[in-house]
N, C-alpha and C. Protein backbone atom coordinates (compact mmCIF):
# COMPACT_ATOMS: atom_id res chain seq x y z
N UNK A 1 -14.15 -6.29 24.15
CA UNK A 1 -13.84 -7.16 25.18
C UNK A 1 -12.49 -7.57 25.29
N UNK A 2 -11.99 -7.75 26.49
CA UNK A 2 -10.53 -7.80 26.55
C UNK A 2 -10.14 -9.29 25.83
N UNK A 3 -9.04 -9.18 25.25
CA UNK A 3 -8.59 -10.20 24.42
C UNK A 3 -9.06 -10.40 23.12
N UNK A 4 -10.22 -9.47 22.66
CA UNK A 4 -10.76 -9.63 21.51
C UNK A 4 -10.05 -9.07 20.47
N UNK A 5 -9.21 -8.18 20.84
CA UNK A 5 -8.38 -7.51 19.62
C UNK A 5 -7.38 -8.35 19.10
N UNK A 6 -7.00 -8.47 17.84
CA UNK A 6 -6.18 -9.01 16.99
C UNK A 6 -5.75 -8.10 15.90
N UNK A 7 -4.86 -8.53 15.19
CA UNK A 7 -4.22 -7.82 14.19
C UNK A 7 -5.26 -7.14 13.09
N UNK A 8 -6.20 -8.24 12.78
CA UNK A 8 -6.89 -7.85 11.88
C UNK A 8 -8.24 -6.81 12.31
N UNK A 9 -8.71 -7.16 13.37
CA UNK A 9 -9.91 -6.20 13.92
C UNK A 9 -9.39 -4.90 14.37
N UNK A 10 -8.02 -4.88 14.76
CA UNK A 10 -7.34 -3.50 15.01
C UNK A 10 -7.03 -2.79 13.89
N UNK A 11 -6.78 -3.55 12.82
CA UNK A 11 -6.47 -2.79 11.58
C UNK A 11 -7.69 -2.42 10.85
N UNK A 12 -8.95 -3.00 10.88
CA UNK A 12 -10.15 -2.59 10.38
C UNK A 12 -10.70 -1.33 11.09
N UNK A 13 -10.26 -1.20 12.47
CA UNK A 13 -10.83 0.07 13.19
C UNK A 13 -9.85 1.12 13.15
N UNK A 14 -8.51 0.78 12.58
CA UNK A 14 -7.36 1.81 12.43
C UNK A 14 -7.71 2.79 11.60
N UNK A 15 -7.26 4.26 11.87
CA UNK A 15 -7.19 5.24 10.83
C UNK A 15 -6.00 5.13 10.06
N UNK A 16 -5.46 3.90 9.86
CA UNK A 16 -4.12 3.82 9.09
C UNK A 16 -4.32 4.12 7.55
N UNK A 17 -5.50 3.72 6.94
CA UNK A 17 -5.69 4.00 5.49
C UNK A 17 -6.53 5.20 5.50
N UNK A 18 -7.16 5.77 6.47
CA UNK A 18 -8.21 6.91 6.20
C UNK A 18 -7.38 8.05 5.48
N UNK A 19 -6.29 8.48 5.66
CA UNK A 19 -5.53 9.63 5.15
C UNK A 19 -5.56 9.32 3.80
N UNK A 20 -5.25 8.00 3.19
CA UNK A 20 -5.16 7.61 1.98
C UNK A 20 -6.63 7.73 1.19
N UNK A 21 -7.61 7.18 1.93
CA UNK A 21 -8.85 7.30 1.31
C UNK A 21 -9.44 8.68 1.17
N UNK A 22 -8.77 9.55 2.08
CA UNK A 22 -9.41 11.04 2.01
C UNK A 22 -8.45 11.94 1.20
N UNK A 23 -7.30 11.14 0.59
CA UNK A 23 -6.49 12.12 -0.11
C UNK A 23 -5.49 12.82 0.52
N UNK A 24 -5.23 12.70 1.64
CA UNK A 24 -4.20 13.38 2.57
C UNK A 24 -2.79 12.86 3.04
N UNK A 25 -2.33 12.11 1.85
CA UNK A 25 -1.11 11.42 2.15
C UNK A 25 0.00 12.05 1.34
N UNK A 26 1.10 11.74 1.86
CA UNK A 26 2.50 12.37 1.02
C UNK A 26 2.49 11.82 -0.30
N UNK A 27 2.86 12.53 -1.23
CA UNK A 27 3.23 12.14 -2.58
C UNK A 27 4.19 10.79 -2.75
N UNK A 28 3.82 9.87 -3.27
CA UNK A 28 4.59 8.65 -3.48
C UNK A 28 4.61 8.12 -4.96
N UNK A 29 5.85 8.01 -5.48
CA UNK A 29 5.91 7.48 -6.79
C UNK A 29 7.15 6.85 -6.95
N UNK A 30 7.03 5.34 -7.43
CA UNK A 30 8.25 4.76 -7.44
C UNK A 30 8.23 3.61 -8.67
N UNK A 31 9.29 3.25 -9.12
CA UNK A 31 9.25 2.21 -10.24
C UNK A 31 9.80 0.91 -9.87
N UNK A 32 9.15 -0.09 -9.96
CA UNK A 32 9.64 -1.52 -9.78
C UNK A 32 9.28 -2.34 -10.97
N UNK A 33 10.43 -3.11 -11.44
CA UNK A 33 10.15 -3.99 -12.44
C UNK A 33 9.65 -3.38 -13.62
N UNK A 34 9.92 -2.09 -13.87
CA UNK A 34 9.42 -1.25 -15.16
C UNK A 34 7.85 -0.85 -14.91
N UNK A 35 7.40 -0.96 -13.79
CA UNK A 35 6.00 -0.39 -13.73
C UNK A 35 5.85 0.56 -12.53
N UNK A 36 5.27 1.62 -12.65
CA UNK A 36 5.24 2.66 -12.00
C UNK A 36 4.02 2.80 -10.96
N UNK A 37 4.33 2.79 -9.68
CA UNK A 37 3.33 2.78 -8.55
C UNK A 37 3.37 4.22 -7.87
N UNK A 38 2.01 4.43 -7.41
CA UNK A 38 1.80 5.81 -6.73
C UNK A 38 1.22 5.64 -5.52
N UNK A 39 1.44 4.62 -4.80
CA UNK A 39 0.91 4.51 -3.43
C UNK A 39 1.99 3.69 -2.57
N UNK A 40 2.17 4.22 -1.53
CA UNK A 40 3.27 3.56 -0.70
C UNK A 40 2.62 2.28 -0.07
N UNK A 41 3.71 1.57 0.51
CA UNK A 41 3.08 0.17 1.10
C UNK A 41 3.86 -0.13 2.19
N UNK A 42 3.24 -0.94 3.18
CA UNK A 42 3.62 -1.27 4.58
C UNK A 42 4.18 -3.03 4.23
N UNK A 43 5.10 -3.27 5.14
CA UNK A 43 5.60 -4.73 5.09
C UNK A 43 4.63 -5.47 6.16
N UNK A 44 4.33 -6.36 5.88
CA UNK A 44 3.41 -7.04 6.79
C UNK A 44 3.62 -8.63 6.72
N UNK A 45 3.00 -9.47 7.79
CA UNK A 45 3.30 -10.85 7.79
C UNK A 45 2.03 -11.41 7.08
N UNK A 46 1.87 -12.75 7.28
CA UNK A 46 0.82 -13.24 6.42
C UNK A 46 -0.58 -13.25 7.06
N UNK A 47 -0.75 -12.81 8.14
CA UNK A 47 -1.91 -12.70 8.90
C UNK A 47 -3.00 -11.65 8.14
N UNK A 48 -2.51 -10.73 7.53
CA UNK A 48 -3.30 -9.81 6.68
C UNK A 48 -4.08 -9.99 5.73
N UNK A 49 -4.92 -9.42 5.15
CA UNK A 49 -5.59 -9.69 3.90
C UNK A 49 -4.62 -9.12 2.74
N UNK A 50 -4.78 -9.57 1.61
CA UNK A 50 -3.83 -9.22 0.46
C UNK A 50 -4.39 -7.78 -0.14
N UNK A 51 -3.85 -6.75 0.61
CA UNK A 51 -4.34 -5.11 0.25
C UNK A 51 -3.16 -4.77 -0.71
N UNK A 52 -3.37 -3.74 -1.54
CA UNK A 52 -2.60 -3.29 -2.42
C UNK A 52 -1.41 -2.49 -1.69
N UNK A 53 -1.57 -2.02 -0.71
CA UNK A 53 -0.82 -1.30 0.31
C UNK A 53 -0.10 -1.95 1.10
N UNK A 54 -0.17 -3.50 1.23
CA UNK A 54 0.58 -4.52 2.21
C UNK A 54 1.46 -5.42 1.45
N UNK A 55 2.87 -5.43 1.70
CA UNK A 55 3.55 -6.46 0.92
C UNK A 55 3.80 -7.52 1.99
N UNK A 56 3.07 -8.62 1.84
CA UNK A 56 3.40 -9.71 2.71
C UNK A 56 4.42 -10.67 2.25
N UNK A 57 4.97 -11.38 3.28
CA UNK A 57 5.91 -12.50 2.93
C UNK A 57 5.29 -13.68 2.12
N UNK A 58 6.00 -14.49 1.57
CA UNK A 58 5.57 -15.53 0.64
C UNK A 58 5.66 -16.69 1.67
N UNK A 59 4.53 -17.27 2.19
CA UNK A 59 4.65 -18.46 3.40
C UNK A 59 5.48 -19.45 2.80
N UNK A 60 5.16 -20.07 1.72
CA UNK A 60 5.91 -21.29 1.39
C UNK A 60 6.38 -21.05 -0.07
N UNK A 61 7.69 -20.28 -0.04
CA UNK A 61 8.07 -19.78 -1.42
C UNK A 61 8.49 -21.23 -2.20
N UNK A 62 8.13 -21.13 -3.54
CA UNK A 62 8.83 -22.18 -4.45
C UNK A 62 9.77 -21.22 -5.51
N UNK A 63 10.87 -21.85 -5.42
CA UNK A 63 11.81 -21.28 -6.63
C UNK A 63 12.75 -20.38 -5.82
N UNK A 64 13.94 -20.16 -6.39
CA UNK A 64 15.05 -19.33 -5.72
C UNK A 64 14.63 -17.87 -5.55
N UNK A 65 13.73 -17.29 -6.55
CA UNK A 65 13.48 -15.81 -6.58
C UNK A 65 12.67 -15.60 -5.46
N UNK A 66 11.47 -16.48 -5.30
CA UNK A 66 10.42 -16.15 -4.28
C UNK A 66 11.06 -16.50 -2.93
N UNK A 67 11.86 -17.41 -2.68
CA UNK A 67 12.69 -17.71 -1.57
C UNK A 67 13.59 -16.70 -1.15
N UNK A 68 14.14 -15.87 -2.05
CA UNK A 68 15.21 -14.85 -1.90
C UNK A 68 14.28 -13.53 -1.42
N UNK A 69 13.07 -13.41 -1.98
CA UNK A 69 12.33 -12.23 -1.72
C UNK A 69 11.74 -12.37 -0.43
N UNK A 70 11.23 -13.70 0.06
CA UNK A 70 10.62 -13.93 1.30
C UNK A 70 11.81 -13.75 2.45
N UNK A 71 12.94 -14.11 2.24
CA UNK A 71 14.19 -14.01 3.17
C UNK A 71 14.26 -12.32 3.27
N UNK A 72 14.19 -11.52 2.21
CA UNK A 72 14.50 -10.20 2.37
C UNK A 72 13.44 -9.40 2.96
N UNK A 73 12.23 -9.84 2.52
CA UNK A 73 11.06 -9.08 3.20
C UNK A 73 10.95 -9.49 4.64
N UNK A 74 11.19 -10.52 5.12
CA UNK A 74 11.03 -10.92 6.50
C UNK A 74 12.36 -10.27 7.14
N UNK A 75 13.41 -10.13 6.53
CA UNK A 75 14.43 -9.48 7.31
C UNK A 75 14.11 -7.91 7.49
N UNK A 76 13.74 -7.29 6.60
CA UNK A 76 13.43 -5.95 6.54
C UNK A 76 12.11 -5.81 7.63
N UNK A 77 11.24 -6.46 7.50
CA UNK A 77 10.29 -6.50 8.39
C UNK A 77 10.36 -6.55 9.82
N UNK A 78 11.36 -7.66 10.06
CA UNK A 78 11.92 -7.50 11.60
C UNK A 78 12.73 -6.57 11.84
N UNK A 79 13.65 -6.03 10.78
CA UNK A 79 14.36 -4.82 11.27
C UNK A 79 13.52 -3.68 11.93
N UNK A 80 12.30 -3.46 11.16
CA UNK A 80 11.51 -2.32 11.53
C UNK A 80 11.03 -2.70 12.93
N UNK A 81 10.49 -3.95 13.09
CA UNK A 81 9.83 -4.29 14.46
C UNK A 81 10.77 -4.20 15.46
N UNK A 82 12.04 -4.62 15.27
CA UNK A 82 13.34 -4.36 16.35
C UNK A 82 13.56 -2.89 16.55
N UNK A 83 13.47 -2.22 15.65
CA UNK A 83 13.79 -0.87 15.84
C UNK A 83 12.85 -0.01 16.56
N UNK A 84 11.59 -0.28 16.28
CA UNK A 84 10.50 0.48 17.10
C UNK A 84 10.39 -0.19 18.55
N UNK A 85 10.82 -1.52 18.64
CA UNK A 85 10.83 -2.18 19.94
C UNK A 85 11.88 -1.43 20.66
N UNK A 86 12.87 -1.12 20.00
CA UNK A 86 14.04 -0.59 20.83
C UNK A 86 13.68 0.81 21.44
N UNK A 87 13.05 1.39 20.25
CA UNK A 87 12.56 2.95 20.77
C UNK A 87 11.54 2.89 22.03
N UNK A 88 10.57 1.93 21.96
CA UNK A 88 9.55 1.55 22.86
C UNK A 88 10.42 1.36 24.11
N UNK A 89 11.46 0.60 24.15
CA UNK A 89 12.11 -0.16 25.42
C UNK A 89 12.90 1.15 26.02
N UNK A 90 13.42 2.23 25.34
CA UNK A 90 14.28 3.40 25.59
C UNK A 90 13.12 4.49 26.23
N UNK A 91 12.20 4.61 25.51
CA UNK A 91 11.28 5.96 25.80
C UNK A 91 10.02 5.49 26.08
N UNK A 92 9.52 5.46 27.35
CA UNK A 92 8.25 4.71 27.88
C UNK A 92 7.00 5.51 27.22
N UNK A 93 7.23 6.80 26.83
CA UNK A 93 5.91 7.62 26.39
C UNK A 93 5.52 6.94 25.10
N UNK A 94 6.33 6.20 24.22
CA UNK A 94 5.81 5.60 23.22
C UNK A 94 4.91 4.33 23.33
N UNK A 95 5.02 3.68 24.30
CA UNK A 95 4.04 2.65 24.71
C UNK A 95 2.79 3.17 25.10
N UNK A 96 2.43 4.35 25.40
CA UNK A 96 1.09 4.84 25.80
C UNK A 96 0.14 5.39 24.51
N UNK A 97 -1.17 5.42 24.77
CA UNK A 97 -1.99 5.88 23.61
C UNK A 97 -1.34 7.24 23.32
N UNK A 98 -1.85 7.75 21.90
CA UNK A 98 -1.28 9.32 21.51
C UNK A 98 -2.51 9.88 20.96
N UNK A 99 -3.82 9.42 21.20
CA UNK A 99 -4.74 10.03 20.46
C UNK A 99 -4.96 11.61 20.86
N UNK A 100 -4.76 12.02 21.77
CA UNK A 100 -5.10 13.27 22.31
C UNK A 100 -3.78 14.26 22.10
N UNK A 101 -2.71 13.73 21.47
CA UNK A 101 -1.59 14.61 21.13
C UNK A 101 -1.99 15.23 19.79
N UNK A 102 -1.37 16.35 19.56
CA UNK A 102 -1.31 17.10 18.34
C UNK A 102 -0.36 16.50 17.35
N UNK A 103 -0.70 16.35 16.28
CA UNK A 103 0.01 15.48 15.15
C UNK A 103 1.27 16.23 15.04
N UNK A 104 1.46 17.51 15.06
CA UNK A 104 2.89 18.18 14.69
C UNK A 104 3.75 17.89 15.96
N UNK A 105 3.12 17.86 17.17
CA UNK A 105 3.84 17.57 18.38
C UNK A 105 4.41 16.06 18.29
N UNK A 106 3.36 15.25 17.88
CA UNK A 106 4.01 13.73 17.61
C UNK A 106 5.11 13.70 16.75
N UNK A 107 5.03 14.38 15.69
CA UNK A 107 6.08 14.36 14.63
C UNK A 107 7.28 14.76 15.16
N UNK A 108 7.32 15.90 15.97
CA UNK A 108 8.53 16.27 16.64
C UNK A 108 8.94 15.36 17.68
N UNK A 109 8.04 14.91 18.52
CA UNK A 109 8.63 13.76 19.42
C UNK A 109 9.24 12.66 18.79
N UNK A 110 8.83 12.02 17.73
CA UNK A 110 9.22 10.92 16.99
C UNK A 110 10.81 11.29 16.30
N UNK A 111 10.76 12.48 15.87
CA UNK A 111 11.89 13.04 15.14
C UNK A 111 13.04 12.97 16.26
N UNK A 112 12.61 13.33 17.47
CA UNK A 112 13.50 13.55 18.67
C UNK A 112 14.10 12.24 19.18
N UNK A 113 13.12 11.33 19.16
CA UNK A 113 13.39 9.85 19.64
C UNK A 113 14.27 9.24 18.63
N UNK A 114 14.07 9.39 17.44
CA UNK A 114 14.82 8.87 16.35
C UNK A 114 16.34 9.47 16.50
N UNK A 115 16.40 10.67 16.76
CA UNK A 115 17.76 11.43 16.77
C UNK A 115 18.50 10.98 18.09
N UNK A 116 17.65 10.98 19.05
CA UNK A 116 18.19 10.35 20.54
C UNK A 116 18.81 8.91 20.16
N UNK A 117 17.86 8.04 19.78
CA UNK A 117 18.29 6.68 19.28
C UNK A 117 19.41 6.47 18.87
N UNK A 118 19.60 7.08 17.73
CA UNK A 118 20.93 7.11 16.76
C UNK A 118 22.14 7.48 17.69
N UNK A 119 21.82 8.71 18.47
CA UNK A 119 23.14 9.09 19.20
C UNK A 119 23.47 8.09 20.14
N UNK A 120 22.45 7.31 20.68
CA UNK A 120 22.73 6.26 21.85
C UNK A 120 23.71 5.12 21.21
N UNK A 121 22.98 4.79 20.04
CA UNK A 121 23.63 3.67 19.25
C UNK A 121 25.10 4.01 19.00
N UNK A 122 25.20 5.18 18.20
CA UNK A 122 26.79 5.68 18.01
C UNK A 122 27.50 5.71 19.11
N UNK A 123 26.90 6.12 20.38
CA UNK A 123 27.74 6.36 21.51
C UNK A 123 28.28 4.84 22.04
N UNK A 124 27.29 3.96 21.74
CA UNK A 124 27.55 2.67 22.52
C UNK A 124 28.50 1.78 21.33
N UNK A 125 28.66 2.35 20.17
CA UNK A 125 29.59 1.75 19.25
C UNK A 125 28.89 0.60 18.48
N UNK A 126 27.53 0.68 18.64
CA UNK A 126 27.04 -0.79 17.91
C UNK A 126 27.09 -0.62 16.52
N UNK A 127 26.69 -1.80 15.82
CA UNK A 127 26.59 -1.67 14.22
C UNK A 127 25.33 -0.77 13.82
N UNK A 128 26.00 0.40 13.09
CA UNK A 128 24.91 1.23 12.51
C UNK A 128 24.16 0.91 11.43
N UNK A 129 24.18 -0.34 10.90
CA UNK A 129 23.47 -0.84 9.86
C UNK A 129 21.89 -0.54 10.10
N UNK A 130 21.41 -0.94 11.30
CA UNK A 130 19.78 -1.00 11.49
C UNK A 130 19.56 0.50 11.56
N UNK A 131 20.48 1.51 11.84
CA UNK A 131 20.00 2.82 11.90
C UNK A 131 19.43 3.55 10.78
N UNK A 132 19.68 2.90 9.66
CA UNK A 132 19.43 3.44 8.15
C UNK A 132 17.78 3.59 8.41
N UNK A 133 17.08 2.68 8.95
CA UNK A 133 15.63 2.84 9.19
C UNK A 133 15.25 4.23 9.80
N UNK A 134 15.72 4.46 10.75
CA UNK A 134 15.47 5.70 11.33
C UNK A 134 15.97 6.86 10.51
N UNK A 135 16.95 6.90 9.73
CA UNK A 135 17.21 8.15 8.66
C UNK A 135 16.11 8.15 7.47
N UNK A 136 15.61 7.18 7.06
CA UNK A 136 14.63 7.02 6.21
C UNK A 136 13.40 7.57 6.82
N UNK A 137 13.05 7.12 8.27
CA UNK A 137 11.79 7.63 8.80
C UNK A 137 11.89 9.21 8.99
N UNK A 138 13.08 9.73 9.40
CA UNK A 138 13.33 11.07 9.44
C UNK A 138 12.98 11.94 8.10
N UNK A 139 13.24 11.39 6.93
CA UNK A 139 12.97 11.97 5.78
C UNK A 139 11.62 11.72 5.42
N UNK A 140 10.79 10.86 5.97
CA UNK A 140 9.37 10.47 5.62
C UNK A 140 8.79 11.67 6.50
N UNK A 141 9.11 11.95 7.86
CA UNK A 141 8.24 12.82 8.72
C UNK A 141 8.36 14.23 8.03
N UNK A 142 9.68 14.62 7.09
CA UNK A 142 9.37 16.01 6.54
C UNK A 142 8.68 16.05 5.26
N UNK A 143 8.02 14.94 5.06
CA UNK A 143 7.08 15.10 3.59
C UNK A 143 5.94 15.96 3.87
N UNK A 144 5.46 16.54 2.95
CA UNK A 144 4.50 17.42 3.12
C UNK A 144 3.05 16.82 2.73
N UNK A 145 2.18 17.10 3.60
CA UNK A 145 0.84 16.42 3.50
C UNK A 145 0.13 17.28 2.01
N UNK A 146 -0.31 16.44 1.11
CA UNK A 146 -1.29 17.05 0.14
C UNK A 146 -2.42 17.83 0.49
N UNK A 147 -2.92 18.91 0.07
CA UNK A 147 -4.18 19.66 0.54
C UNK A 147 -5.11 18.75 -0.33
N UNK A 148 -6.39 18.75 0.28
CA UNK A 148 -7.37 18.23 -0.26
C UNK A 148 -7.86 19.03 -1.54
N UNK A 149 -8.28 18.34 -2.46
CA UNK A 149 -8.56 19.15 -3.59
C UNK A 149 -10.27 19.24 -3.44
N UNK A 150 -11.10 20.42 -3.72
CA UNK A 150 -12.35 20.29 -3.44
C UNK A 150 -13.29 19.51 -4.47
N UNK A 151 -12.54 19.34 -5.69
CA UNK A 151 -13.23 18.43 -6.62
C UNK A 151 -13.05 16.96 -6.30
N UNK A 152 -11.98 16.59 -5.76
CA UNK A 152 -11.62 15.05 -5.57
C UNK A 152 -12.51 14.83 -4.03
N UNK A 153 -12.71 15.77 -3.43
CA UNK A 153 -13.43 15.58 -2.04
C UNK A 153 -15.00 14.91 -2.12
N UNK A 154 -15.06 13.85 -2.85
CA UNK A 154 -16.53 13.35 -2.80
C UNK A 154 -16.41 11.96 -2.63
N UNK A 155 -17.62 11.41 -2.68
CA UNK A 155 -17.83 10.00 -2.18
C UNK A 155 -17.23 9.08 -3.24
N UNK A 156 -17.43 9.33 -4.40
CA UNK A 156 -16.94 8.52 -5.68
C UNK A 156 -15.44 8.38 -5.47
N UNK A 157 -14.68 9.49 -5.19
CA UNK A 157 -13.35 9.49 -5.16
C UNK A 157 -12.81 8.54 -3.99
N UNK A 158 -13.42 8.77 -2.83
CA UNK A 158 -13.25 8.12 -1.69
C UNK A 158 -13.41 6.39 -1.89
N UNK A 159 -14.41 6.15 -2.74
CA UNK A 159 -14.79 4.80 -2.88
C UNK A 159 -13.76 4.18 -3.87
N UNK A 160 -13.35 4.88 -4.89
CA UNK A 160 -12.28 4.73 -6.04
C UNK A 160 -10.78 4.47 -5.17
N UNK A 161 -10.49 5.29 -4.16
CA UNK A 161 -9.31 4.91 -3.38
C UNK A 161 -9.58 3.50 -2.60
N UNK A 162 -10.57 3.50 -1.86
CA UNK A 162 -10.90 2.29 -1.14
C UNK A 162 -10.76 0.86 -2.09
N UNK A 163 -11.20 1.20 -3.17
CA UNK A 163 -11.27 -0.26 -3.91
C UNK A 163 -9.98 -0.20 -4.45
N UNK A 164 -9.16 0.73 -4.80
CA UNK A 164 -7.71 0.54 -5.06
C UNK A 164 -6.75 -0.16 -4.02
N UNK A 165 -7.22 0.12 -2.68
CA UNK A 165 -6.31 -0.36 -1.61
C UNK A 165 -6.59 -1.94 -1.51
N UNK A 166 -7.89 -2.32 -1.84
CA UNK A 166 -8.46 -3.56 -1.55
C UNK A 166 -8.41 -4.33 -2.92
N UNK A 167 -7.69 -3.87 -3.96
CA UNK A 167 -7.54 -4.56 -5.21
C UNK A 167 -6.54 -5.64 -4.91
N UNK A 168 -7.10 -6.99 -4.77
CA UNK A 168 -5.96 -8.26 -4.86
C UNK A 168 -4.91 -8.25 -6.01
N UNK A 169 -5.43 -7.87 -7.32
CA UNK A 169 -4.62 -7.96 -8.46
C UNK A 169 -3.43 -7.11 -8.14
N UNK A 170 -3.59 -5.87 -7.72
CA UNK A 170 -2.61 -4.75 -7.48
C UNK A 170 -1.48 -5.46 -6.30
N UNK A 171 -2.13 -6.08 -5.39
CA UNK A 171 -1.37 -6.73 -4.28
C UNK A 171 -0.36 -7.68 -4.79
N UNK A 172 -1.02 -8.64 -5.74
CA UNK A 172 0.00 -9.74 -6.02
C UNK A 172 0.89 -8.95 -7.34
N UNK A 173 0.34 -8.08 -8.00
CA UNK A 173 1.38 -7.48 -9.08
C UNK A 173 2.47 -6.75 -8.52
N UNK A 174 2.28 -6.02 -7.36
CA UNK A 174 3.47 -5.30 -6.60
C UNK A 174 4.17 -6.45 -5.96
N UNK A 175 3.86 -7.34 -5.32
CA UNK A 175 4.60 -8.42 -4.81
C UNK A 175 5.47 -8.91 -6.00
N UNK A 176 4.71 -9.74 -7.01
CA UNK A 176 5.54 -10.07 -8.31
C UNK A 176 6.59 -9.25 -8.78
N UNK A 177 6.36 -8.04 -8.74
CA UNK A 177 7.37 -6.81 -9.41
C UNK A 177 8.48 -6.89 -8.39
N UNK A 178 8.09 -6.83 -7.11
CA UNK A 178 9.28 -6.67 -6.07
C UNK A 178 10.00 -8.17 -6.17
N UNK A 179 9.58 -9.24 -6.25
CA UNK A 179 10.32 -10.41 -6.58
C UNK A 179 11.24 -10.40 -7.52
N UNK A 180 10.80 -9.94 -8.69
CA UNK A 180 11.64 -9.62 -9.88
C UNK A 180 12.64 -8.63 -9.71
N UNK A 181 12.42 -7.59 -9.06
CA UNK A 181 13.27 -6.55 -8.90
C UNK A 181 14.48 -7.00 -7.76
N UNK A 182 14.04 -7.50 -6.84
CA UNK A 182 15.12 -8.12 -5.97
C UNK A 182 15.94 -9.01 -6.57
N UNK A 183 15.27 -9.95 -7.43
CA UNK A 183 16.23 -10.92 -7.83
C UNK A 183 17.20 -10.39 -8.96
N UNK A 184 16.88 -9.30 -9.73
CA UNK A 184 17.70 -8.53 -10.59
C UNK A 184 18.72 -7.82 -9.84
N UNK A 185 18.31 -7.24 -8.88
CA UNK A 185 19.29 -6.73 -8.06
C UNK A 185 20.43 -7.65 -7.61
N UNK A 186 19.94 -8.77 -6.88
CA UNK A 186 21.03 -9.86 -6.42
C UNK A 186 21.75 -10.13 -7.48
N UNK A 187 21.30 -10.44 -8.64
CA UNK A 187 21.91 -10.79 -9.96
C UNK A 187 23.09 -10.04 -10.36
N UNK A 188 23.01 -8.60 -9.92
CA UNK A 188 23.97 -7.61 -10.15
C UNK A 188 24.96 -7.62 -9.45
N UNK A 189 24.49 -8.14 -8.00
CA UNK A 189 25.73 -7.96 -6.93
C UNK A 189 26.62 -9.32 -7.13
N UNK A 190 26.17 -10.23 -7.83
CA UNK A 190 27.05 -11.52 -7.81
C UNK A 190 28.28 -11.20 -8.73
């Protein structure tokens, strides 16, 4: 129905997490606050459910650490939104559905748009600090997809990955570890 789509039901119908559930994601491993994580995450606003792969802002932060985290998270999320908004404004093809495109073609198109955007920004002598996002995106686009392991390709493994994404404890643990990590980095900058 027109108007019935919102962030939540679009996400529920999206294949965003299906590659992870099926074991087809690039390898990720990082350490935050002394704890190792092996699943990437997306920055999100407060409308989404607390998933282990979404790091939301803290809507009413209490204390300096949490306020600092909320400011940094919102700033980074808005930078990404602005960056892709700028790409969509410059390249109309990005505003259209891409379901029928080949994934490798889409990867090449996105890389070309990122490079063109960076060239335009550099040529216009804008502040290049927001272009770091595009350099990181280009690095991500070069990641290799993991082949599916025939043993791991079963329903139990799929369910375990699904449960991991929907684990609220992991969501809050990652968020708290990021709060502490950012606060420690800030302390080193002072």
